[in-house]
Amino acid sequence: MPENAPRPGGRPRDTRISESLLAAAARIIERDGYNHATVEGIVREAGTSKPAFYRRYPSVASMIPAIISARHNLDVPSDTGSLEGDLRAFQYQQQELLSDRVVQRCMAGWLADLSESPERMHPFAIEFAAKRQQVVSTILERAVQRGEISELPTASDHLFEALVTPLLYRSLFPQTGKVGPDEIELTVHLACKVVLCKDSPPAPKK
């Protein structure tokens, strides 16, 4: 249901309350960490109520994709004219997101929270991973249209993982160092090698 759509038997939801809740959660996460972001603390910080919170979100964990979306637009990068350029633009987009202190402060705790059950993983799978995988698929479709590759690679999901996993690792473990241009160039180079050379993952041993 759209944020400002009329609810059955009620008034449209106030988008200002939603924005206040997201901003309050982000401030608490940045200041105190994900594990200290409670419903009680968020509604107090936002100046609203628990019923207002639960009309919008079933849990704090379910807020994270909305917080990320509010802070970082997920757009298909502008066409650079090449697969390499498009993938590089995508990687810099993810670098900006995963270097965000709010994202860094919430990612480990959020994923640990979600891993407790398959149902809880739904927000990550649908709102975070799947949307980014679709952007990579669009980039690959452009490469097909340009004639850089003859067809979409069968292992495009592995390609997405190869691009994002190193950046996600650095976000989860900031002590390993920030993601810089060298790391981005390496991930793009390896991705292009896989796609343009039509390499494929080795077959599992029987």
Protein backbone atom coordinates (compact mmCIF):
# COMPACT_ATOMS: atom_id res chain seq x y z
CA MET A 1 0.00 0.00 0.00
CA PRO A 2 1.44 3.43 -0.90
CA GLU A 3 2.60 5.47 2.09
CA ASN A 4 -0.07 8.15 1.66
CA ALA A 5 -2.88 5.85 0.51
CA PRO A 6 -6.06 5.91 2.56
CA ARG A 7 -6.21 3.04 5.05
CA PRO A 8 -9.41 1.00 5.26
CA GLY A 9 -11.70 2.97 7.52
CA GLY A 10 -9.08 5.63 8.27
CA ARG A 11 -7.10 8.61 7.06
CA PRO A 12 -4.01 8.51 4.84
CA ARG A 13 -0.79 7.84 6.72
CA ASP A 14 1.25 10.92 7.50
CA THR A 15 4.53 10.63 5.56
CA ARG A 16 6.12 13.06 8.01
CA ILE A 17 5.79 10.50 10.78
CA SER A 18 7.44 7.85 8.62
CA GLU A 19 10.27 10.22 7.79
CA SER A 20 10.68 11.12 11.47
CA LEU A 21 10.83 7.44 12.45
CA LEU A 22 13.45 6.66 9.82
CA ALA A 23 15.55 9.69 10.74
CA ALA A 24 15.29 8.86 14.45
CA ALA A 25 16.34 5.26 13.89
CA ALA A 26 19.30 6.38 11.77
CA ARG A 27 20.47 8.82 14.47
CA ILE A 28 20.28 6.16 17.17
CA ILE A 29 22.09 3.58 15.04
CA GLU A 30 24.86 6.04 14.15
CA ARG A 31 25.23 7.18 17.75
CA ASP A 32 24.71 3.97 19.72
CA GLY A 33 24.71 1.06 17.27
CA TYR A 34 22.03 -1.21 15.83
CA ASN A 35 21.56 -3.27 18.99
CA HIS A 36 20.58 -0.13 20.91
CA ALA A 37 17.91 0.89 18.40
CA THR A 38 14.73 -0.20 20.18
CA VAL A 39 11.14 0.61 19.26
CA GLU A 40 10.81 2.52 22.54
CA GLY A 41 13.89 4.59 21.86
CA ILE A 42 12.97 5.28 18.24
CA VAL A 43 9.44 6.52 18.98
CA ARG A 44 10.76 8.67 21.83
CA GLU A 45 13.41 10.17 19.55
CA ALA A 46 10.85 10.73 16.79
CA GLY A 47 8.25 12.20 19.13
CA THR A 48 5.55 9.73 18.19
CA SER A 49 3.99 6.53 19.53
CA LYS A 50 4.35 2.76 19.34
CA PRO A 51 1.03 2.36 17.49
CA ALA A 52 2.32 4.81 14.85
CA PHE A 53 5.48 2.74 14.57
CA TYR A 54 3.73 -0.62 14.26
CA ARG A 55 1.32 0.72 11.64
CA ARG A 56 4.38 1.12 9.45
CA TYR A 57 6.94 -1.47 10.53
CA PRO A 58 6.66 -4.85 12.26
CA SER A 59 10.15 -4.49 13.76
CA VAL A 60 13.29 -2.38 13.83
CA ALA A 61 14.95 -4.84 11.42
CA SER A 62 12.22 -4.20 8.84
CA MET A 63 13.12 -0.49 8.85
CA ILE A 64 16.66 -0.94 7.57
CA PRO A 65 15.88 -1.21 3.82
CA ALA A 66 13.77 1.95 4.12
CA ILE A 67 16.57 3.76 5.98
CA ILE A 68 19.04 2.74 3.28
CA SER A 69 16.66 3.82 0.50
CA ALA A 70 16.06 7.17 2.19
CA ARG A 71 19.80 7.85 2.39
CA HIS A 72 20.91 6.36 -0.94
CA ASN A 73 18.99 6.25 -4.19
CA LEU A 74 19.38 2.96 -6.05
CA ASP A 75 19.41 4.00 -9.68
CA VAL A 76 20.69 2.18 -12.72
CA PRO A 77 23.92 4.06 -13.51
CA SER A 78 23.86 6.23 -16.61
CA ASP A 79 25.04 4.42 -19.71
CA THR A 80 28.82 4.95 -19.91
CA GLY A 81 29.10 3.21 -23.28
CA SER A 82 30.85 0.10 -21.99
CA LEU A 83 30.29 -2.82 -19.66
CA GLU A 84 33.44 -1.92 -17.72
CA GLY A 85 32.32 1.66 -17.23
CA ASP A 86 28.81 0.68 -16.15
CA LEU A 87 30.11 -1.86 -13.62
CA ARG A 88 32.57 0.70 -12.28
CA ALA A 89 29.74 3.21 -11.80
CA PHE A 90 27.70 0.54 -9.98
CA GLN A 91 30.63 -0.26 -7.70
CA TYR A 92 31.19 3.36 -6.77
CA GLN A 93 27.48 3.60 -5.99
CA GLN A 94 27.78 0.62 -3.62
CA GLN A 95 30.99 1.99 -2.12
CA GLU A 96 29.18 5.18 -1.15
CA LEU A 97 26.36 3.21 0.44
CA LEU A 98 28.55 0.76 2.34
CA SER A 99 30.85 3.54 3.55
CA ASP A 100 27.90 5.30 5.19
CA ARG A 101 28.47 5.19 8.95
CA VAL A 102 24.81 4.40 9.61
CA VAL A 103 25.01 1.42 7.26
CA GLN A 104 28.29 0.27 8.77
CA ARG A 105 26.87 0.54 12.29
CA CYS A 106 23.77 -1.48 11.45
CA MET A 107 24.84 -4.06 8.88
CA ALA A 108 26.41 -6.71 11.14
CA GLY A 109 23.67 -6.54 13.77
CA TRP A 110 20.94 -6.41 11.14
CA LEU A 111 22.20 -9.47 9.28
CA ALA A 112 22.64 -11.35 12.57
CA ASP A 113 19.06 -10.45 13.49
CA LEU A 114 17.74 -11.57 10.11
CA SER A 115 19.66 -14.85 10.15
CA GLU A 116 17.60 -16.18 13.05
CA SER A 117 14.92 -17.42 10.64
CA PRO A 118 14.31 -17.67 6.88
CA GLU A 119 11.30 -15.38 7.20
CA ARG A 120 13.42 -12.62 8.70
CA MET A 121 15.81 -12.74 5.74
CA HIS A 122 13.03 -11.56 3.42
CA PRO A 123 13.80 -7.81 3.76
CA PHE A 124 17.46 -8.37 2.88
CA ALA A 125 16.73 -10.74 0.02
CA ILE A 126 13.97 -8.62 -1.56
CA GLU A 127 14.72 -5.04 -0.57
CA PHE A 128 18.52 -5.07 -0.57
CA ALA A 129 20.09 -7.89 -2.57
CA ALA A 130 17.46 -8.50 -5.25
CA LYS A 131 17.15 -4.83 -6.20
CA ARG A 132 20.91 -4.51 -6.65
CA GLN A 133 21.06 -7.74 -8.59
CA GLN A 134 18.45 -6.31 -10.95
CA VAL A 135 20.66 -3.28 -11.57
CA VAL A 136 23.55 -5.60 -12.51
CA SER A 137 21.20 -7.51 -14.83
CA THR A 138 20.24 -4.24 -16.55
CA ILE A 139 23.93 -3.41 -17.01
CA LEU A 140 24.51 -6.83 -18.59
CA GLU A 141 21.50 -6.35 -20.89
CA ARG A 142 23.07 -3.12 -22.12
CA ALA A 143 26.25 -5.01 -22.92
CA VAL A 144 24.24 -7.47 -24.99
CA GLN A 145 22.56 -4.60 -26.88
CA ARG A 146 25.96 -3.04 -27.62
CA GLY A 147 27.30 -6.34 -28.87
CA GLU A 148 29.98 -6.56 -26.16
CA ILE A 149 28.62 -9.96 -25.18
CA SER A 150 26.39 -12.25 -27.19
CA GLU A 151 24.06 -13.26 -24.38
CA LEU A 152 23.42 -12.80 -20.70
CA PRO A 153 25.78 -14.92 -18.60
CA THR A 154 24.10 -17.89 -16.94
CA ALA A 155 25.88 -17.15 -13.66
CA SER A 156 24.82 -13.50 -13.35
CA ASP A 157 23.88 -14.05 -9.71
CA HIS A 158 27.46 -15.16 -9.00
CA LEU A 159 28.72 -12.07 -10.82
CA PHE A 160 26.61 -9.87 -8.55
CA GLU A 161 27.97 -11.64 -5.48
CA ALA A 162 31.54 -11.25 -6.73
CA LEU A 163 31.01 -7.50 -7.11
CA VAL A 164 29.24 -6.77 -3.85
CA THR A 165 30.76 -9.26 -1.40
CA PRO A 166 34.21 -7.59 -1.10
CA LEU A 167 32.56 -4.23 -0.42
CA LEU A 168 30.12 -5.75 2.06
CA TYR A 169 33.01 -7.47 3.84
CA ARG A 170 34.83 -4.16 4.29
CA SER A 171 31.61 -2.63 5.62
CA LEU A 172 31.15 -5.43 8.13
CA PHE A 173 34.80 -5.26 9.20
CA PRO A 174 35.92 -1.62 8.85
CA GLN A 175 39.23 -2.49 10.52
CA THR A 176 40.24 -4.24 7.28
CA GLY A 177 40.40 -0.86 5.58
CA LYS A 178 38.19 1.29 3.41
CA VAL A 179 37.25 0.32 -0.10
CA GLY A 180 39.31 2.48 -2.43
CA PRO A 181 39.76 2.85 -6.19
CA ASP A 182 42.21 -0.07 -6.32
CA GLU A 183 39.68 -2.48 -4.79
CA ILE A 184 36.93 -1.26 -7.09
CA GLU A 185 39.13 -1.61 -10.17
CA LEU A 186 40.06 -5.16 -9.14
CA THR A 187 36.43 -6.22 -8.70
CA VAL A 188 35.45 -4.64 -12.03
CA HIS A 189 38.41 -6.27 -13.80
CA LEU A 190 37.53 -9.71 -12.45
CA ALA A 191 33.84 -9.25 -13.31
CA CYS A 192 34.66 -8.25 -16.89
CA LYS A 193 37.03 -11.20 -17.22
CA VAL A 194 34.27 -13.56 -16.16
CA VAL A 195 31.69 -12.06 -18.54
CA LEU A 196 33.79 -11.18 -21.58
CA CYS A 197 35.87 -14.36 -21.47
CA LYS A 198 32.75 -16.41 -20.78
CA ASP A 199 34.42 -18.04 -17.82
CA SER A 200 32.16 -20.02 -15.56
CA PRO A 201 32.49 -21.31 -12.00
CA PRO A 202 34.19 -24.72 -11.81
CA ALA A 203 31.88 -27.71 -11.64
CA PRO A 204 31.50 -29.10 -8.12
CA LYS A 205 33.52 -32.21 -7.40
CA LYS A 206 31.50 -35.41 -7.16
